[in-house]
Amino acid sequence: MVKSIVKKKKNKTRINLLPLSDKINTARRNKLIVYLIVLLSYIFILSGYDYIIYGKTNNARTVIFNLNQKLETIRNNNIIYTTIQKAILNKEKIEASLKKDSLIINQLNRLKKKEYKKFIEIIKFPMPDGIWLSSLSSNNGNFIINGNSLSLKDVSVYIKNIKKMKIFKKIYLSGIEKKIKKGNNYYTFDLKCKL
C-alpha cells in the first residue's frame, strides 16, 4: 500500500469557519481600500501641486500688478517732468523776450530823449515870420516836419536855417501843396530829415 506522507501537526487541525465568499469580499475590500488610498494620495498630490502653482501665479500676478503701478507712477512722473521742462523752457523764452523787449524799450527811451531834445531844438530855432509848424513826428530816427507857409521863399529860408543847425545829415522836401482858404493863399509842406 502506498503510504501517504502526511505530517500531522501536533494535534492541531485547522478549521475554516468563514465561508468562502467572505474571504473573496475581504480581498476585494482590501484591494478597493488600496485603490482608494492610491487615488486619494494622487488627488492630494495633484491638489498640492495645483495649490503651489496657484500660489506662484498669484505671487506673479501681485508682482506684475505692483510693477504696473510703479510703471504708471513713472509715466506720471515723466509727464510731470516733461511739463516742468516745457514750463522752464517757456519761462526762459519769456525771460529772453522780456530782456529783448526791455532793451528795445530802453533804446526807445534813449531815442525819445534824443528825439525830444531835437524836437525842442527845432522848435526853439528861430523861424521866418511866414512859417508855422503843424506837426513834428519821428519814425526810426527820421524826423518829419509838417508846416505851413505864406510863401515858397519862407520855406527855402527855413530849410537853409535847419541845415545850419547841423543836426540832420540830409533834409528832403517831400511835398508842398498850395491851398486857398477864404481867399488867402498858403502852402503846406512836408520835410523829411535823416539823422
C-alpha atoms as a PDB file:
ATOM      1  CA  MET A   1       0.000   0.000   0.000  1.00  0.00           C
ATOM      2  CA  VAL A   2       1.060   3.414  -0.601  1.00  0.00           C
ATOM      3  CA  LYS A   3       1.957   5.219   2.353  1.00  0.00           C
ATOM      4  CA  SER A   4       0.743   8.717   2.421  1.00  0.00           C
ATOM      5  CA  ILE A   5       3.058  11.140   3.779  1.00  0.00           C
ATOM      6  CA  VAL A   6       1.032  13.431   5.816  1.00  0.00           C
ATOM      7  CA  LYS A   7       2.516  15.180   8.587  1.00  0.00           C
ATOM      8  CA  LYS A   8       0.349  15.850  11.323  1.00  0.00           C
ATOM      9  CA  LYS A   9       0.819  18.872  13.214  1.00  0.00           C
ATOM     10  CA  LYS A  10       0.841  18.288  16.743  1.00  0.00           C
ATOM     11  CA  ASN A  11      -2.750  17.679  17.295  1.00  0.00           C
ATOM     12  CA  LYS A  12      -3.818  20.867  15.630  1.00  0.00           C
ATOM     13  CA  THR A  13      -6.305  20.966  12.956  1.00  0.00           C
ATOM     14  CA  ARG A  14      -7.372  23.901  11.068  1.00  0.00           C
ATOM     15  CA  ILE A  15     -10.925  24.543  10.504  1.00  0.00           C
ATOM     16  CA  ASN A  16     -12.057  27.376   8.309  1.00  0.00           C
ATOM     17  CA  LEU A  17     -15.155  28.802   9.855  1.00  0.00           C
ATOM     18  CA  LEU A  18     -15.557  31.653   7.366  1.00  0.00           C
ATOM     19  CA  PRO A  19     -17.411  30.958   4.282  1.00  0.00           C
ATOM     20  CA  LEU A  20     -15.528  31.224   1.009  1.00  0.00           C
ATOM     21  CA  SER A  21     -17.436  34.288  -0.180  1.00  0.00           C
ATOM     22  CA  ASP A  22     -16.343  36.345   2.840  1.00  0.00           C
ATOM     23  CA  LYS A  23     -12.723  35.650   2.022  1.00  0.00           C
ATOM     24  CA  ILE A  24     -13.244  36.953  -1.505  1.00  0.00           C
ATOM     25  CA  ASN A  25     -15.123  40.006  -0.228  1.00  0.00           C
ATOM     26  CA  THR A  26     -12.356  40.749   2.239  1.00  0.00           C
ATOM     27  CA  ALA A  27      -9.757  40.519  -0.508  1.00  0.00           C
ATOM     28  CA  ARG A  28     -11.870  42.780  -2.705  1.00  0.00           C
ATOM     29  CA  ARG A  29     -12.304  45.266   0.112  1.00  0.00           C
ATOM     30  CA  ASN A  30      -8.607  45.298   0.787  1.00  0.00           C
ATOM     31  CA  LYS A  31      -7.933  45.807  -2.915  1.00  0.00           C
ATOM     32  CA  LEU A  32     -10.526  48.612  -3.049  1.00  0.00           C
ATOM     33  CA  ILE A  33      -9.040  50.264   0.026  1.00  0.00           C
ATOM     34  CA  VAL A  34      -5.599  50.168  -1.569  1.00  0.00           C
ATOM     35  CA  TYR A  35      -7.024  51.691  -4.767  1.00  0.00           C
ATOM     36  CA  LEU A  36      -8.827  54.396  -2.780  1.00  0.00           C
ATOM     37  CA  ILE A  37      -5.694  55.180  -0.803  1.00  0.00           C
ATOM     38  CA  VAL A  38      -3.695  55.436  -4.018  1.00  0.00           C
ATOM     39  CA  LEU A  39      -6.439  57.574  -5.617  1.00  0.00           C
ATOM     40  CA  LEU A  40      -6.715  59.852  -2.585  1.00  0.00           C
ATOM     41  CA  SER A  41      -2.967  60.254  -2.375  1.00  0.00           C
ATOM     42  CA  TYR A  42      -2.894  61.045  -6.124  1.00  0.00           C
ATOM     43  CA  ILE A  43      -5.678  63.642  -5.646  1.00  0.00           C
ATOM     44  CA  PHE A  44      -3.878  65.061  -2.612  1.00  0.00           C
ATOM     45  CA  ILE A  45      -0.623  65.314  -4.579  1.00  0.00           C
ATOM     46  CA  LEU A  46      -2.412  66.981  -7.533  1.00  0.00           C
ATOM     47  CA  SER A  47      -4.244  69.436  -5.276  1.00  0.00           C
ATOM     48  CA  GLY A  48      -0.975  70.282  -3.521  1.00  0.00           C
ATOM     49  CA  TYR A  49       0.723  70.798  -6.867  1.00  0.00           C
ATOM     50  CA  ASP A  50      -2.214  72.959  -8.021  1.00  0.00           C
ATOM     51  CA  TYR A  51      -2.042  74.947  -4.777  1.00  0.00           C
ATOM     52  CA  ILE A  52       1.681  75.532  -5.288  1.00  0.00           C
ATOM     53  CA  ILE A  53       1.137  76.590  -8.923  1.00  0.00           C
ATOM     54  CA  TYR A  54      -1.791  78.824  -7.900  1.00  0.00           C
ATOM     55  CA  GLY A  55       0.376  80.417  -5.212  1.00  0.00           C
ATOM     56  CA  LYS A  56       3.158  81.025  -7.707  1.00  0.00           C
ATOM     57  CA  THR A  57       0.769  82.524 -10.288  1.00  0.00           C
ATOM     58  CA  ASN A  58      -0.882  84.612  -7.593  1.00  0.00           C
ATOM     59  CA  ASN A  59       2.533  85.869  -6.478  1.00  0.00           C
ATOM     60  CA  ALA A  60       3.418  86.564 -10.109  1.00  0.00           C
ATOM     61  CA  ARG A  61       0.138  88.481 -10.523  1.00  0.00           C
ATOM     62  CA  THR A  62       0.830  90.597  -7.454  1.00  0.00           C
ATOM     63  CA  VAL A  63       4.372  91.269  -8.680  1.00  0.00           C
ATOM     64  CA  ILE A  64       3.024  92.233 -12.135  1.00  0.00           C
ATOM     65  CA  PHE A  65       0.358  94.428 -10.523  1.00  0.00           C
ATOM     66  CA  ASN A  66       2.984  96.175  -8.382  1.00  0.00           C
ATOM     67  CA  LEU A  67       5.245  96.628 -11.407  1.00  0.00           C
ATOM     68  CA  ASN A  68       2.334  98.082 -13.399  1.00  0.00           C
ATOM     69  CA  GLN A  69       1.634 100.519 -10.578  1.00  0.00           C
ATOM     70  CA  LYS A  70       5.303 101.528 -10.475  1.00  0.00           C
ATOM     71  CA  LEU A  71       5.292 101.909 -14.267  1.00  0.00           C
ATOM     72  CA  GLU A  72       2.199 104.102 -14.041  1.00  0.00           C
ATOM     73  CA  THR A  73       3.822 106.293 -11.384  1.00  0.00           C
ATOM     74  CA  ILE A  74       6.964 106.514 -13.530  1.00  0.00           C
ATOM     75  CA  ARG A  75       4.819 107.556 -16.508  1.00  0.00           C
ATOM     76  CA  ASN A  76       3.042 110.144 -14.391  1.00  0.00           C
ATOM     77  CA  ASN A  77       6.366 111.415 -13.072  1.00  0.00           C
ATOM     78  CA  ASN A  78       7.703 111.500 -16.626  1.00  0.00           C
ATOM     79  CA  ILE A  79       4.673 113.512 -17.753  1.00  0.00           C
ATOM     80  CA  ILE A  80       5.136 115.874 -14.819  1.00  0.00           C
ATOM     81  CA  TYR A  81       8.863 116.123 -15.583  1.00  0.00           C
ATOM     82  CA  THR A  82       8.235 116.920 -19.255  1.00  0.00           C
ATOM     83  CA  THR A  83       5.623 119.538 -18.369  1.00  0.00           C
ATOM     84  CA  ILE A  84       8.049 121.091 -15.883  1.00  0.00           C
ATOM     85  CA  GLN A  85      10.768 121.093 -18.548  1.00  0.00           C
ATOM     86  CA  LYS A  86       8.377 122.731 -21.020  1.00  0.00           C
ATOM     87  CA  ALA A  87       7.410 125.298 -18.405  1.00  0.00           C
ATOM     88  CA  ILE A  88      11.079 126.023 -17.698  1.00  0.00           C
ATOM     89  CA  LEU A  89      11.794 126.390 -21.422  1.00  0.00           C
ATOM     90  CA  ASN A  90       8.768 128.665 -21.813  1.00  0.00           C
ATOM     91  CA  LYS A  91       9.926 130.676 -18.801  1.00  0.00           C
ATOM     92  CA  GLU A  92      13.400 131.008 -20.310  1.00  0.00           C
ATOM     93  CA  LYS A  93      11.899 132.062 -23.656  1.00  0.00           C
ATOM     94  CA  ILE A  94       9.673 134.591 -21.914  1.00  0.00           C
ATOM     95  CA  GLU A  95      12.614 135.908 -19.887  1.00  0.00           C
ATOM     96  CA  ALA A  96      14.698 136.211 -23.059  1.00  0.00           C
ATOM     97  CA  SER A  97      11.883 138.011 -24.872  1.00  0.00           C
ATOM     98  CA  LEU A  98      11.368 140.281 -21.847  1.00  0.00           C
ATOM     99  CA  LYS A  99      15.086 141.103 -21.827  1.00  0.00           C
ATOM    100  CA  LYS A 100      14.928 141.880 -25.536  1.00  0.00           C
ATOM    101  CA  ASP A 101      11.807 143.966 -25.006  1.00  0.00           C
ATOM    102  CA  SER A 102      13.382 145.823 -22.093  1.00  0.00           C
ATOM    103  CA  LEU A 103      16.482 146.520 -24.204  1.00  0.00           C
ATOM    104  CA  ILE A 104      14.273 147.792 -27.016  1.00  0.00           C
ATOM    105  CA  ILE A 105      12.295 149.923 -24.574  1.00  0.00           C
ATOM    106  CA  ASN A 106      15.498 151.337 -23.094  1.00  0.00           C
ATOM    107  CA  GLN A 107      16.791 152.104 -26.577  1.00  0.00           C
ATOM    108  CA  LEU A 108      13.477 153.712 -27.476  1.00  0.00           C
ATOM    109  CA  ASN A 109      13.578 155.762 -24.289  1.00  0.00           C
ATOM    110  CA  ARG A 110      17.085 156.920 -25.157  1.00  0.00           C
ATOM    111  CA  LEU A 111      15.951 157.704 -28.689  1.00  0.00           C
ATOM    112  CA  LYS A 112      12.909 159.512 -27.360  1.00  0.00           C
ATOM    113  CA  LYS A 113      15.106 161.594 -25.090  1.00  0.00           C
ATOM    114  CA  LYS A 114      17.362 162.395 -28.027  1.00  0.00           C
ATOM    115  CA  GLU A 115      14.347 162.998 -30.268  1.00  0.00           C
ATOM    116  CA  TYR A 116      12.725 165.119 -27.595  1.00  0.00           C
ATOM    117  CA  LYS A 117      15.885 167.221 -27.347  1.00  0.00           C
ATOM    118  CA  LYS A 118      15.962 167.539 -31.125  1.00  0.00           C
ATOM    119  CA  PHE A 119      12.270 168.445 -31.218  1.00  0.00           C
ATOM    120  CA  ILE A 120      12.973 171.160 -28.664  1.00  0.00           C
ATOM    121  CA  GLU A 121      15.949 172.399 -30.696  1.00  0.00           C
ATOM    122  CA  ILE A 122      13.786 172.530 -33.831  1.00  0.00           C
ATOM    123  CA  ILE A 123      11.026 174.379 -32.005  1.00  0.00           C
ATOM    124  CA  LYS A 124      13.430 176.823 -30.293  1.00  0.00           C
ATOM    125  CA  PHE A 125      15.248 177.534 -33.531  1.00  0.00           C
ATOM    126  CA  PRO A 126      14.055 180.854 -34.957  1.00  0.00           C
ATOM    127  CA  MET A 127      11.660 180.510 -37.885  1.00  0.00           C
ATOM    128  CA  PRO A 128      10.825 183.037 -40.544  1.00  0.00           C
ATOM    129  CA  ASP A 129       7.743 185.125 -39.833  1.00  0.00           C
ATOM    130  CA  GLY A 130       5.643 183.456 -42.544  1.00  0.00           C
ATOM    131  CA  ILE A 131       6.052 179.870 -41.274  1.00  0.00           C
ATOM    132  CA  TRP A 132       4.191 177.941 -38.607  1.00  0.00           C
ATOM    133  CA  LEU A 133       4.571 174.245 -37.805  1.00  0.00           C
ATOM    134  CA  SER A 134       1.569 171.935 -37.661  1.00  0.00           C
ATOM    135  CA  SER A 135       3.269 168.691 -36.507  1.00  0.00           C
ATOM    136  CA  LEU A 136       6.595 167.072 -35.657  1.00  0.00           C
ATOM    137  CA  SER A 137       6.993 163.297 -35.698  1.00  0.00           C
ATOM    138  CA  SER A 138       9.738 160.713 -35.849  1.00  0.00           C
ATOM    139  CA  ASN A 139       9.946 157.308 -37.464  1.00  0.00           C
ATOM    140  CA  ASN A 140      13.023 155.073 -36.984  1.00  0.00           C
ATOM    141  CA  GLY A 141      15.249 158.050 -36.247  1.00  0.00           C
ATOM    142  CA  ASN A 142      13.891 160.088 -39.165  1.00  0.00           C
ATOM    143  CA  PHE A 143      12.040 163.295 -38.404  1.00  0.00           C
ATOM    144  CA  ILE A 144       9.035 164.501 -40.321  1.00  0.00           C
ATOM    145  CA  ILE A 145       8.191 168.189 -40.080  1.00  0.00           C
ATOM    146  CA  ASN A 146       4.783 169.301 -41.326  1.00  0.00           C
ATOM    147  CA  GLY A 147       4.203 173.003 -41.583  1.00  0.00           C
ATOM    148  CA  ASN A 148       2.508 175.876 -43.351  1.00  0.00           C
ATOM    149  CA  SER A 149       3.982 178.899 -45.079  1.00  0.00           C
ATOM    150  CA  LEU A 150       2.753 182.079 -46.693  1.00  0.00           C
ATOM    151  CA  SER A 151       5.364 181.920 -49.453  1.00  0.00           C
ATOM    152  CA  LEU A 152       7.779 179.460 -51.045  1.00  0.00           C
ATOM    153  CA  LYS A 153      10.678 181.774 -50.170  1.00  0.00           C
ATOM    154  CA  ASP A 154       9.965 181.316 -46.453  1.00  0.00           C
ATOM    155  CA  VAL A 155      10.104 177.508 -46.895  1.00  0.00           C
ATOM    156  CA  SER A 156      13.522 177.694 -48.595  1.00  0.00           C
ATOM    157  CA  VAL A 157      14.847 180.029 -45.854  1.00  0.00           C
ATOM    158  CA  TYR A 158      13.563 177.622 -43.184  1.00  0.00           C
ATOM    159  CA  ILE A 159      15.306 174.654 -44.880  1.00  0.00           C
ATOM    160  CA  LYS A 160      18.595 176.627 -45.029  1.00  0.00           C
ATOM    161  CA  ASN A 161      18.282 177.507 -41.332  1.00  0.00           C
ATOM    162  CA  ILE A 162      17.705 173.831 -40.391  1.00  0.00           C
ATOM    163  CA  LYS A 163      20.774 172.843 -42.435  1.00  0.00           C
ATOM    164  CA  LYS A 164      22.805 175.399 -40.479  1.00  0.00           C
ATOM    165  CA  MET A 165      21.816 173.619 -37.226  1.00  0.00           C
ATOM    166  CA  LYS A 166      23.808 170.561 -38.417  1.00  0.00           C
ATOM    167  CA  ILE A 167      21.536 168.150 -36.555  1.00  0.00           C
ATOM    168  CA  PHE A 168      20.463 166.240 -39.642  1.00  0.00           C
ATOM    169  CA  LYS A 169      22.575 164.655 -42.357  1.00  0.00           C
ATOM    170  CA  LYS A 170      20.003 165.051 -45.110  1.00  0.00           C
ATOM    171  CA  ILE A 171      16.867 167.132 -45.437  1.00  0.00           C
ATOM    172  CA  TYR A 172      14.292 166.393 -48.137  1.00  0.00           C
ATOM    173  CA  LEU A 173      11.295 168.435 -49.136  1.00  0.00           C
ATOM    174  CA  SER A 174       8.915 165.545 -49.679  1.00  0.00           C
ATOM    175  CA  GLY A 175       5.843 167.515 -50.598  1.00  0.00           C
ATOM    176  CA  ILE A 176       4.482 171.022 -50.982  1.00  0.00           C
ATOM    177  CA  GLU A 177       0.948 171.999 -51.843  1.00  0.00           C
ATOM    178  CA  LYS A 178      -0.791 175.297 -52.472  1.00  0.00           C
ATOM    179  CA  LYS A 179      -4.078 175.817 -50.635  1.00  0.00           C
ATOM    180  CA  ILE A 180      -6.622 178.566 -50.719  1.00  0.00           C
ATOM    181  CA  LYS A 181      -8.782 179.271 -47.694  1.00  0.00           C
ATOM    182  CA  LYS A 182     -11.232 182.188 -47.552  1.00  0.00           C
ATOM    183  CA  GLY A 183      -9.385 183.892 -50.359  1.00  0.00           C
ATOM    184  CA  ASN A 184      -5.950 183.574 -48.723  1.00  0.00           C
ATOM    185  CA  ASN A 185      -3.171 181.565 -50.339  1.00  0.00           C
ATOM    186  CA  TYR A 186      -0.786 179.479 -48.262  1.00  0.00           C
ATOM    187  CA  TYR A 187       1.426 176.439 -48.741  1.00  0.00           C
ATOM    188  CA  THR A 188       1.627 173.206 -46.753  1.00  0.00           C
ATOM    189  CA  PHE A 189       4.975 171.441 -46.795  1.00  0.00           C
ATOM    190  CA  ASP A 190       6.488 168.193 -45.534  1.00  0.00           C
ATOM    191  CA  LEU A 191      10.178 167.913 -44.667  1.00  0.00           C
ATOM    192  CA  LYS A 192      11.924 164.597 -44.062  1.00  0.00           C
ATOM    193  CA  CYS A 193      15.103 164.888 -42.059  1.00  0.00           C
ATOM    194  CA  LYS A 194      17.542 161.997 -41.611  1.00  0.00           C
ATOM    195  CA  LEU A 195      19.925 161.810 -38.692  1.00  0.00           C
END
